[in-house]
Amino acid sequence: MASLSRRDVEHVAHLARLGLTEDELARLEGQLNHILDQYTILTRLETGSIPPTAQTIELENILREDVAGPSLPVEEALANAPGRDGEYIVVPPILGGE
């Protein structure tokens, strides 16, 4: 399997919006190429006689029952809100707006 070049790593870091230093890019290049090397080793394994596994552990519902209980009074819930409008928390818009 081909290895990743420094340019490939820089491109992936750019797409992920990671501001990496030169040292971090060099370390990441080595780590990613090591992962690809390990994957190459795994692709050489004979797996034809191994049945597909959909689930490795038994499935069971580990969630508790949804039981209604007392909640905080509105004033207490809003006490530390950075901004409020009546009974609502006001936050800055994330997609345009004012």
PDB file of N, CA and C in Angstrom:
ATOM      1  N   MET A   1       0.851  -1.177   0.000  1.00  0.00           N
ATOM      2  CA  MET A   1       0.000   0.000   0.000  1.00  0.00           C
ATOM      3  C   MET A   1       0.891   1.234   0.000  1.00  0.00           C
ATOM      4  N   ALA A   2       0.492   2.225  -0.763  1.00  0.00           N
ATOM      5  CA  ALA A   2       1.264   3.460  -0.844  1.00  0.00           C
ATOM      6  C   ALA A   2       1.224   4.207   0.484  1.00  0.00           C
ATOM      7  N   SER A   3       2.280   4.932   0.744  1.00  0.00           N
ATOM      8  CA  SER A   3       2.309   5.708   1.983  1.00  0.00           C
ATOM      9  C   SER A   3       1.836   7.133   1.691  1.00  0.00           C
ATOM     10  N   LEU A   4       1.479   7.810   2.745  1.00  0.00           N
ATOM     11  CA  LEU A   4       1.028   9.190   2.622  1.00  0.00           C
ATOM     12  C   LEU A   4       2.235  10.119   2.575  1.00  0.00           C
ATOM     13  N   SER A   5       2.182  11.078   1.679  1.00  0.00           N
ATOM     14  CA  SER A   5       3.252  12.073   1.602  1.00  0.00           C
ATOM     15  C   SER A   5       2.964  13.192   2.595  1.00  0.00           C
ATOM     16  N   ARG A   6       3.940  14.028   2.790  1.00  0.00           N
ATOM     17  CA  ARG A   6       3.771  15.194   3.659  1.00  0.00           C
ATOM     18  C   ARG A   6       2.641  16.078   3.121  1.00  0.00           C
ATOM     19  N   ARG A   7       2.581  16.184   1.797  1.00  0.00           N
ATOM     20  CA  ARG A   7       1.533  17.005   1.179  1.00  0.00           C
ATOM     21  C   ARG A   7       0.151  16.422   1.464  1.00  0.00           C
ATOM     22  N   ASP A   8       0.022  15.077   1.429  1.00  0.00           N
ATOM     23  CA  ASP A   8      -1.250  14.424   1.752  1.00  0.00           C
ATOM     24  C   ASP A   8      -1.673  14.763   3.176  1.00  0.00           C
ATOM     25  N   VAL A   9      -0.739  14.687   4.099  1.00  0.00           N
ATOM     26  CA  VAL A   9      -1.040  14.957   5.512  1.00  0.00           C
ATOM     27  C   VAL A   9      -1.441  16.423   5.694  1.00  0.00           C
ATOM     28  N   GLU A  10      -0.741  17.315   5.039  1.00  0.00           N
ATOM     29  CA  GLU A  10      -1.099  18.735   5.119  1.00  0.00           C
ATOM     30  C   GLU A  10      -2.502  18.972   4.565  1.00  0.00           C
ATOM     31  N   HIS A  11      -2.848  18.272   3.483  1.00  0.00           N
ATOM     32  CA  HIS A  11      -4.173  18.423   2.882  1.00  0.00           C
ATOM     33  C   HIS A  11      -5.258  17.926   3.833  1.00  0.00           C
ATOM     34  N   VAL A  12      -5.049  16.768   4.432  1.00  0.00           N
ATOM     35  CA  VAL A  12      -6.026  16.226   5.384  1.00  0.00           C
ATOM     36  C   VAL A  12      -6.161  17.153   6.588  1.00  0.00           C
ATOM     37  N   ALA A  13      -5.050  17.655   7.083  1.00  0.00           N
ATOM     38  CA  ALA A  13      -5.085  18.583   8.218  1.00  0.00           C
ATOM     39  C   ALA A  13      -5.857  19.848   7.842  1.00  0.00           C
ATOM     40  N   HIS A  14      -5.661  20.315   6.626  1.00  0.00           N
ATOM     41  CA  HIS A  14      -6.394  21.504   6.157  1.00  0.00           C
ATOM     42  C   HIS A  14      -7.892  21.221   6.094  1.00  0.00           C
ATOM     43  N   LEU A  15      -8.274  20.066   5.534  1.00  0.00           N
ATOM     44  CA  LEU A  15      -9.689  19.710   5.442  1.00  0.00           C
ATOM     45  C   LEU A  15     -10.330  19.592   6.817  1.00  0.00           C
ATOM     46  N   ALA A  16      -9.556  19.111   7.796  1.00  0.00           N
ATOM     47  CA  ALA A  16     -10.066  18.965   9.163  1.00  0.00           C
ATOM     48  C   ALA A  16      -9.945  20.267   9.944  1.00  0.00           C
ATOM     49  N   ARG A  17      -9.456  21.302   9.289  1.00  0.00           N
ATOM     50  CA  ARG A  17      -9.285  22.627   9.914  1.00  0.00           C
ATOM     51  C   ARG A  17      -8.387  22.549  11.151  1.00  0.00           C
ATOM     52  N   LEU A  18      -7.300  21.776  11.012  1.00  0.00           N
ATOM     53  CA  LEU A  18      -6.332  21.648  12.099  1.00  0.00           C
ATOM     54  C   LEU A  18      -5.154  22.574  11.803  1.00  0.00           C
ATOM     55  N   GLY A  19      -4.860  23.440  12.723  1.00  0.00           N
ATOM     56  CA  GLY A  19      -3.699  24.300  12.585  1.00  0.00           C
ATOM     57  C   GLY A  19      -2.507  23.616  13.236  1.00  0.00           C
ATOM     58  N   LEU A  20      -1.791  22.805  12.464  1.00  0.00           N
ATOM     59  CA  LEU A  20      -0.696  22.017  13.031  1.00  0.00           C
ATOM     60  C   LEU A  20       0.652  22.670  12.766  1.00  0.00           C
ATOM     61  N   THR A  21       1.554  22.505  13.712  1.00  0.00           N
ATOM     62  CA  THR A  21       2.916  22.992  13.549  1.00  0.00           C
ATOM     63  C   THR A  21       3.691  22.013  12.667  1.00  0.00           C
ATOM     64  N   GLU A  22       4.888  22.405  12.256  1.00  0.00           N
ATOM     65  CA  GLU A  22       5.737  21.520  11.448  1.00  0.00           C
ATOM     66  C   GLU A  22       6.038  20.217  12.195  1.00  0.00           C
ATOM     67  N   ASP A  23       6.326  20.318  13.493  1.00  0.00           N
ATOM     68  CA  ASP A  23       6.606  19.120  14.290  1.00  0.00           C
ATOM     69  C   ASP A  23       5.381  18.209  14.358  1.00  0.00           C
ATOM     70  N   GLU A  24       4.204  18.803  14.536  1.00  0.00           N
ATOM     71  CA  GLU A  24       2.973  18.008  14.610  1.00  0.00           C
ATOM     72  C   GLU A  24       2.680  17.334  13.272  1.00  0.00           C
ATOM     73  N   LEU A  25       2.917  18.050  12.174  1.00  0.00           N
ATOM     74  CA  LEU A  25       2.703  17.450  10.856  1.00  0.00           C
ATOM     75  C   LEU A  25       3.644  16.275  10.629  1.00  0.00           C
ATOM     76  N   ALA A  26       4.898  16.434  11.029  1.00  0.00           N
ATOM     77  CA  ALA A  26       5.866  15.346  10.867  1.00  0.00           C
ATOM     78  C   ALA A  26       5.461  14.133  11.697  1.00  0.00           C
ATOM     79  N   ARG A  27       5.044  14.373  12.931  1.00  0.00           N
ATOM     80  CA  ARG A  27       4.625  13.268  13.801  1.00  0.00           C
ATOM     81  C   ARG A  27       3.372  12.590  13.251  1.00  0.00           C
ATOM     82  N   LEU A  28       2.416  13.391  12.777  1.00  0.00           N
ATOM     83  CA  LEU A  28       1.184  12.842  12.228  1.00  0.00           C
ATOM     84  C   LEU A  28       1.460  12.028  10.967  1.00  0.00           C
ATOM     85  N   GLU A  29       2.376  12.495  10.143  1.00  0.00           N
ATOM     86  CA  GLU A  29       2.737  11.746   8.934  1.00  0.00           C
ATOM     87  C   GLU A  29       3.258  10.357   9.301  1.00  0.00           C
ATOM     88  N   GLY A  30       4.126  10.293  10.293  1.00  0.00           N
ATOM     89  CA  GLY A  30       4.649   9.004  10.745  1.00  0.00           C
ATOM     90  C   GLY A  30       3.562   8.114  11.320  1.00  0.00           C
ATOM     91  N   GLN A  31       2.680   8.691  12.130  1.00  0.00           N
ATOM     92  CA  GLN A  31       1.617   7.907  12.757  1.00  0.00           C
ATOM     93  C   GLN A  31       0.628   7.375  11.732  1.00  0.00           C
ATOM     94  N   LEU A  32       0.231   8.222  10.778  1.00  0.00           N
ATOM     95  CA  LEU A  32      -0.716   7.774   9.757  1.00  0.00           C
ATOM     96  C   LEU A  32      -0.105   6.696   8.867  1.00  0.00           C
ATOM     97  N   ASN A  33       1.151   6.839   8.514  1.00  0.00           N
ATOM     98  CA  ASN A  33       1.799   5.815   7.702  1.00  0.00           C
ATOM     99  C   ASN A  33       1.959   4.508   8.477  1.00  0.00           C
ATOM    100  N   HIS A  34       2.182   4.591   9.779  1.00  0.00           N
ATOM    101  CA  HIS A  34       2.249   3.377  10.601  1.00  0.00           C
ATOM    102  C   HIS A  34       0.888   2.666  10.595  1.00  0.00           C
ATOM    103  N   ILE A  35      -0.195   3.424  10.720  1.00  0.00           N
ATOM    104  CA  ILE A  35      -1.543   2.835  10.683  1.00  0.00           C
ATOM    105  C   ILE A  35      -1.772   2.146   9.340  1.00  0.00           C
ATOM    106  N   LEU A  36      -1.379   2.793   8.239  1.00  0.00           N
ATOM    107  CA  LEU A  36      -1.547   2.181   6.924  1.00  0.00           C
ATOM    108  C   LEU A  36      -0.704   0.914   6.786  1.00  0.00           C
ATOM    109  N   ASP A  37       0.499   0.924   7.339  1.00  0.00           N
ATOM    110  CA  ASP A  37       1.347  -0.276   7.315  1.00  0.00           C
ATOM    111  C   ASP A  37       0.680  -1.421   8.066  1.00  0.00           C
ATOM    112  N   GLN A  38       0.096  -1.126   9.209  1.00  0.00           N
ATOM    113  CA  GLN A  38      -0.580  -2.163   9.991  1.00  0.00           C
ATOM    114  C   GLN A  38      -1.801  -2.688   9.239  1.00  0.00           C
ATOM    115  N   TYR A  39      -2.516  -1.817   8.565  1.00  0.00           N
ATOM    116  CA  TYR A  39      -3.668  -2.240   7.772  1.00  0.00           C
ATOM    117  C   TYR A  39      -3.219  -3.171   6.648  1.00  0.00           C
ATOM    118  N   THR A  40      -2.102  -2.859   6.017  1.00  0.00           N
ATOM    119  CA  THR A  40      -1.569  -3.703   4.948  1.00  0.00           C
ATOM    120  C   THR A  40      -1.297  -5.113   5.464  1.00  0.00           C
ATOM    121  N   ILE A  41      -0.761  -5.213   6.669  1.00  0.00           N
ATOM    122  CA  ILE A  41      -0.513  -6.532   7.277  1.00  0.00           C
ATOM    123  C   ILE A  41      -1.829  -7.268   7.468  1.00  0.00           C
ATOM    124  N   LEU A  42      -2.850  -6.564   7.945  1.00  0.00           N
ATOM    125  CA  LEU A  42      -4.151  -7.197   8.174  1.00  0.00           C
ATOM    126  C   LEU A  42      -4.787  -7.681   6.873  1.00  0.00           C
ATOM    127  N   THR A  43      -4.560  -6.982   5.771  1.00  0.00           N
ATOM    128  CA  THR A  43      -5.164  -7.393   4.500  1.00  0.00           C
ATOM    129  C   THR A  43      -4.585  -8.705   3.995  1.00  0.00           C
ATOM    130  N   ARG A  44      -3.435  -9.107   4.506  1.00  0.00           N
ATOM    131  CA  ARG A  44      -2.805 -10.363   4.083  1.00  0.00           C
ATOM    132  C   ARG A  44      -3.355 -11.585   4.819  1.00  0.00           C
ATOM    133  N   LEU A  45      -4.148 -11.367   5.864  1.00  0.00           N
ATOM    134  CA  LEU A  45      -4.679 -12.479   6.638  1.00  0.00           C
ATOM    135  C   LEU A  45      -5.756 -13.218   5.856  1.00  0.00           C
ATOM    136  N   GLU A  46      -5.752 -14.554   5.970  1.00  0.00           N
ATOM    137  CA  GLU A  46      -6.772 -15.381   5.335  1.00  0.00           C
ATOM    138  C   GLU A  46      -7.997 -15.390   6.233  1.00  0.00           C
ATOM    139  N   THR A  47      -9.079 -14.802   5.760  1.00  0.00           N
ATOM    140  CA  THR A  47     -10.294 -14.713   6.574  1.00  0.00           C
ATOM    141  C   THR A  47     -11.479 -15.435   5.942  1.00  0.00           C
ATOM    142  N   GLY A  48     -11.235 -16.188   4.876  1.00  0.00           N
ATOM    143  CA  GLY A  48     -12.315 -16.864   4.172  1.00  0.00           C
ATOM    144  C   GLY A  48     -13.072 -17.870   5.018  1.00  0.00           C
ATOM    145  N   SER A  49     -12.404 -18.485   5.994  1.00  0.00           N
ATOM    146  CA  SER A  49     -13.068 -19.501   6.821  1.00  0.00           C
ATOM    147  C   SER A  49     -13.693 -18.920   8.086  1.00  0.00           C
ATOM    148  N   ILE A  50     -13.584 -17.624   8.261  1.00  0.00           N
ATOM    149  CA  ILE A  50     -14.148 -16.985   9.449  1.00  0.00           C
ATOM    150  C   ILE A  50     -15.519 -16.435   9.093  1.00  0.00           C
ATOM    151  N   PRO A  51     -16.584 -16.887   9.810  1.00  0.00           N
ATOM    152  CA  PRO A  51     -17.918 -16.381   9.478  1.00  0.00           C
ATOM    153  C   PRO A  51     -18.042 -14.900   9.850  1.00  0.00           C
ATOM    154  N   PRO A  52     -18.838 -14.166   9.074  1.00  0.00           N
ATOM    155  CA  PRO A  52     -19.039 -12.749   9.389  1.00  0.00           C
ATOM    156  C   PRO A  52     -19.647 -12.575  10.781  1.00  0.00           C
ATOM    157  N   THR A  53     -19.237 -11.543  11.462  1.00  0.00           N
ATOM    158  CA  THR A  53     -19.751 -11.260  12.787  1.00  0.00           C
ATOM    159  C   THR A  53     -20.478  -9.923  12.746  1.00  0.00           C
ATOM    160  N   ALA A  54     -21.755  -9.951  13.067  1.00  0.00           N
ATOM    161  CA  ALA A  54     -22.518  -8.717  13.079  1.00  0.00           C
ATOM    162  C   ALA A  54     -22.379  -8.010  14.421  1.00  0.00           C
ATOM    163  N   GLN A  55     -22.239  -8.783  15.485  1.00  0.00           N
ATOM    164  CA  GLN A  55     -22.154  -8.221  16.827  1.00  0.00           C
ATOM    165  C   GLN A  55     -21.181  -9.053  17.638  1.00  0.00           C
ATOM    166  N   THR A  56     -20.238  -8.406  18.290  1.00  0.00           N
ATOM    167  CA  THR A  56     -19.230  -9.153  19.040  1.00  0.00           C
ATOM    168  C   THR A  56     -19.654  -9.453  20.469  1.00  0.00           C
ATOM    169  N   ILE A  57     -20.621  -8.730  20.972  1.00  0.00           N
ATOM    170  CA  ILE A  57     -21.118  -8.983  22.325  1.00  0.00           C
ATOM    171  C   ILE A  57     -22.628  -9.142  22.270  1.00  0.00           C
ATOM    172  N   GLU A  58     -23.168  -9.805  23.265  1.00  0.00           N
ATOM    173  CA  GLU A  58     -24.613  -9.974  23.316  1.00  0.00           C
ATOM    174  C   GLU A  58     -25.295  -8.619  23.478  1.00  0.00           C
ATOM    175  N   LEU A  59     -26.389  -8.457  22.768  1.00  0.00           N
ATOM    176  CA  LEU A  59     -27.141  -7.213  22.876  1.00  0.00           C
ATOM    177  C   LEU A  59     -28.131  -7.304  24.025  1.00  0.00           C
ATOM    178  N   GLU A  60     -28.192  -6.259  24.795  1.00  0.00           N
ATOM    179  CA  GLU A  60     -29.202  -6.162  25.835  1.00  0.00           C
ATOM    180  C   GLU A  60     -29.463  -4.690  26.089  1.00  0.00           C
ATOM    181  N   ASN A  61     -30.645  -4.397  26.518  1.00  0.00           N
ATOM    182  CA  ASN A  61     -31.005  -3.022  26.799  1.00  0.00           C
ATOM    183  C   ASN A  61     -30.402  -2.640  28.151  1.00  0.00           C
ATOM    184  N   ILE A  62     -29.476  -1.690  28.116  1.00  0.00           N
ATOM    185  CA  ILE A  62     -28.829  -1.268  29.362  1.00  0.00           C
ATOM    186  C   ILE A  62     -29.362   0.069  29.849  1.00  0.00           C
ATOM    187  N   LEU A  63     -30.419   0.546  29.191  1.00  0.00           N
ATOM    188  CA  LEU A  63     -30.985   1.828  29.582  1.00  0.00           C
ATOM    189  C   LEU A  63     -31.993   1.653  30.702  1.00  0.00           C
ATOM    190  N   ARG A  64     -32.071   2.645  31.555  1.00  0.00           N
ATOM    191  CA  ARG A  64     -33.050   2.605  32.636  1.00  0.00           C
ATOM    192  C   ARG A  64     -34.409   3.043  32.112  1.00  0.00           C
ATOM    193  N   GLU A  65     -35.425   2.765  32.864  1.00  0.00           N
ATOM    194  CA  GLU A  65     -36.769   3.203  32.514  1.00  0.00           C
ATOM    195  C   GLU A  65     -36.824   4.729  32.554  1.00  0.00           C
ATOM    196  N   ASP A  66     -37.580   5.317  31.659  1.00  0.00           N
ATOM    197  CA  ASP A  66     -37.767   6.758  31.633  1.00  0.00           C
ATOM    198  C   ASP A  66     -38.894   7.105  32.594  1.00  0.00           C
ATOM    199  N   VAL A  67     -38.510   7.628  33.756  1.00  0.00           N
ATOM    200  CA  VAL A  67     -39.491   7.937  34.789  1.00  0.00           C
ATOM    201  C   VAL A  67     -39.472   9.443  35.035  1.00  0.00           C
ATOM    202  N   ALA A  68     -40.621  10.059  34.940  1.00  0.00           N
ATOM    203  CA  ALA A  68     -40.711  11.498  35.194  1.00  0.00           C
ATOM    204  C   ALA A  68     -40.449  11.781  36.662  1.00  0.00           C
ATOM    205  N   GLY A  69     -39.742  12.870  36.922  1.00  0.00           N
ATOM    206  CA  GLY A  69     -39.445  13.255  38.296  1.00  0.00           C
ATOM    207  C   GLY A  69     -39.445  14.762  38.416  1.00  0.00           C
ATOM    208  N   PRO A  70     -39.201  15.256  39.596  1.00  0.00           N
ATOM    209  CA  PRO A  70     -39.201  16.713  39.790  1.00  0.00           C
ATOM    210  C   PRO A  70     -38.026  17.355  39.047  1.00  0.00           C
ATOM    211  N   SER A  71     -38.252  18.549  38.550  1.00  0.00           N
ATOM    212  CA  SER A  71     -37.184  19.273  37.866  1.00  0.00           C
ATOM    213  C   SER A  71     -36.934  20.589  38.580  1.00  0.00           C
ATOM    214  N   LEU A  72     -35.929  21.309  38.109  1.00  0.00           N
ATOM    215  CA  LEU A  72     -35.589  22.591  38.728  1.00  0.00           C
ATOM    216  C   LEU A  72     -36.673  23.624  38.451  1.00  0.00           C
ATOM    217  N   PRO A  73     -36.894  24.512  39.386  1.00  0.00           N
ATOM    218  CA  PRO A  73     -37.783  25.647  39.094  1.00  0.00           C
ATOM    219  C   PRO A  73     -37.141  26.506  37.996  1.00  0.00           C
ATOM    220  N   VAL A  74     -37.954  27.167  37.196  1.00  0.00           N
ATOM    221  CA  VAL A  74     -37.466  27.964  36.074  1.00  0.00           C
ATOM    222  C   VAL A  74     -36.417  28.975  36.531  1.00  0.00           C
ATOM    223  N   GLU A  75     -36.668  29.693  37.588  1.00  0.00           N
ATOM    224  CA  GLU A  75     -35.720  30.714  38.054  1.00  0.00           C
ATOM    225  C   GLU A  75     -34.370  30.105  38.400  1.00  0.00           C
ATOM    226  N   GLU A  76     -34.372  28.948  39.034  1.00  0.00           N
ATOM    227  CA  GLU A  76     -33.107  28.301  39.392  1.00  0.00           C
ATOM    228  C   GLU A  76     -32.381  27.796  38.141  1.00  0.00           C
ATOM    229  N   ALA A  77     -33.139  27.260  37.183  1.00  0.00           N
ATOM    230  CA  ALA A  77     -32.540  26.767  35.952  1.00  0.00           C
ATOM    231  C   ALA A  77     -31.921  27.904  35.135  1.00  0.00           C
ATOM    232  N   LEU A  78     -32.515  29.085  35.178  1.00  0.00           N
ATOM    233  CA  LEU A  78     -32.032  30.226  34.408  1.00  0.00           C
ATOM    234  C   LEU A  78     -31.063  31.122  35.182  1.00  0.00           C
ATOM    235  N   ALA A  79     -30.784  30.795  36.415  1.00  0.00           N
ATOM    236  CA  ALA A  79     -29.978  31.670  37.274  1.00  0.00           C
ATOM    237  C   ALA A  79     -28.605  31.983  36.685  1.00  0.00           C
ATOM    238  N   ASN A  80     -27.960  31.032  36.040  1.00  0.00           N
ATOM    239  CA  ASN A  80     -26.616  31.263  35.506  1.00  0.00           C
ATOM    240  C   ASN A  80     -26.595  31.438  33.994  1.00  0.00           C
ATOM    241  N   ALA A  81     -27.745  31.620  33.371  1.00  0.00           N
ATOM    242  CA  ALA A  81     -27.801  31.815  31.923  1.00  0.00           C
ATOM    243  C   ALA A  81     -27.110  33.125  31.567  1.00  0.00           C
ATOM    244  N   PRO A  82     -26.308  33.137  30.498  1.00  0.00           N
ATOM    245  CA  PRO A  82     -25.625  34.373  30.121  1.00  0.00           C
ATOM    246  C   PRO A  82     -26.595  35.454  29.654  1.00  0.00           C
ATOM    247  N   GLY A  83     -27.724  35.062  29.148  1.00  0.00           N
ATOM    248  CA  GLY A  83     -28.752  36.004  28.730  1.00  0.00           C
ATOM    249  C   GLY A  83     -30.086  35.283  28.732  1.00  0.00           C
ATOM    250  N   ARG A  84     -31.149  36.024  28.927  1.00  0.00           N
ATOM    251  CA  ARG A  84     -32.463  35.385  28.947  1.00  0.00           C
ATOM    252  C   ARG A  84     -33.528  36.327  28.429  1.00  0.00           C
ATOM    253  N   ASP A  85     -34.602  35.721  27.964  1.00  0.00           N
ATOM    254  CA  ASP A  85     -35.760  36.457  27.492  1.00  0.00           C
ATOM    255  C   ASP A  85     -36.969  35.727  28.064  1.00  0.00           C
ATOM    256  N   GLY A  86     -37.467  36.239  29.166  1.00  0.00           N
ATOM    257  CA  GLY A  86     -38.560  35.553  29.852  1.00  0.00           C
ATOM    258  C   GLY A  86     -38.083  34.224  30.410  1.00  0.00           C
ATOM    259  N   GLU A  87     -38.669  33.128  29.943  1.00  0.00           N
ATOM    260  CA  GLU A  87     -38.298  31.803  30.426  1.00  0.00           C
ATOM    261  C   GLU A  87     -37.367  31.084  29.453  1.00  0.00           C
ATOM    262  N   TYR A  88     -36.701  31.837  28.565  1.00  0.00           N
ATOM    263  CA  TYR A  88     -35.825  31.235  27.565  1.00  0.00           C
ATOM    264  C   TYR A  88     -34.395  31.722  27.744  1.00  0.00           C
ATOM    265  N   ILE A  89     -33.429  30.859  27.426  1.00  0.00           N
ATOM    266  CA  ILE A  89     -32.022  31.227  27.434  1.00  0.00           C
ATOM    267  C   ILE A  89     -31.716  31.825  26.074  1.00  0.00           C
ATOM    268  N   VAL A  90     -31.038  32.969  26.068  1.00  0.00           N
ATOM    269  CA  VAL A  90     -30.658  33.651  24.826  1.00  0.00           C
ATOM    270  C   VAL A  90     -29.181  33.368  24.579  1.00  0.00           C
ATOM    271  N   VAL A  91     -28.877  32.886  23.382  1.00  0.00           N
ATOM    272  CA  VAL A  91     -27.498  32.610  22.984  1.00  0.00           C
ATOM    273  C   VAL A  91     -27.221  33.323  21.671  1.00  0.00           C
ATOM    274  N   PRO A  92     -25.938  33.587  21.367  1.00  0.00           N
ATOM    275  CA  PRO A  92     -25.631  34.255  20.106  1.00  0.00           C
ATOM    276  C   PRO A  92     -25.939  33.316  18.924  1.00  0.00           C
ATOM    277  N   PRO A  93     -26.344  33.883  17.780  1.00  0.00           N
ATOM    278  CA  PRO A  93     -26.605  33.058  16.598  1.00  0.00           C
ATOM    279  C   PRO A  93     -25.311  32.445  16.075  1.00  0.00           C
ATOM    280  N   ILE A  94     -25.423  31.265  15.499  1.00  0.00           N
ATOM    281  CA  ILE A  94     -24.222  30.615  14.962  1.00  0.00           C
ATOM    282  C   ILE A  94     -24.179  30.669  13.442  1.00  0.00           C
ATOM    283  N   LEU A  95     -25.309  30.948  12.808  1.00  0.00           N
ATOM    284  CA  LEU A  95     -25.353  31.018  11.344  1.00  0.00           C
ATOM    285  C   LEU A  95     -25.851  32.399  10.929  1.00  0.00           C
ATOM    286  N   GLY A  96     -24.928  33.339  10.820  1.00  0.00           N
ATOM    287  CA  GLY A  96     -25.306  34.680  10.411  1.00  0.00           C
ATOM    288  C   GLY A  96     -26.119  35.389  11.488  1.00  0.00           C
ATOM    289  N   GLY A  97     -26.951  36.299  11.081  1.00  0.00           N
ATOM    290  CA  GLY A  97     -27.789  37.006  12.036  1.00  0.00           C
ATOM    291  C   GLY A  97     -26.998  38.058  12.801  1.00  0.00           C
ATOM    292  N   GLU A  98     -27.653  38.615  13.778  1.00  0.00           N
ATOM    293  CA  GLU A  98     -27.015  39.687  14.560  1.00  0.00           C
ATOM    294  C   GLU A  98     -26.710  39.237  15.955  1.00  0.00           C
TER     295      GLU A  98
END
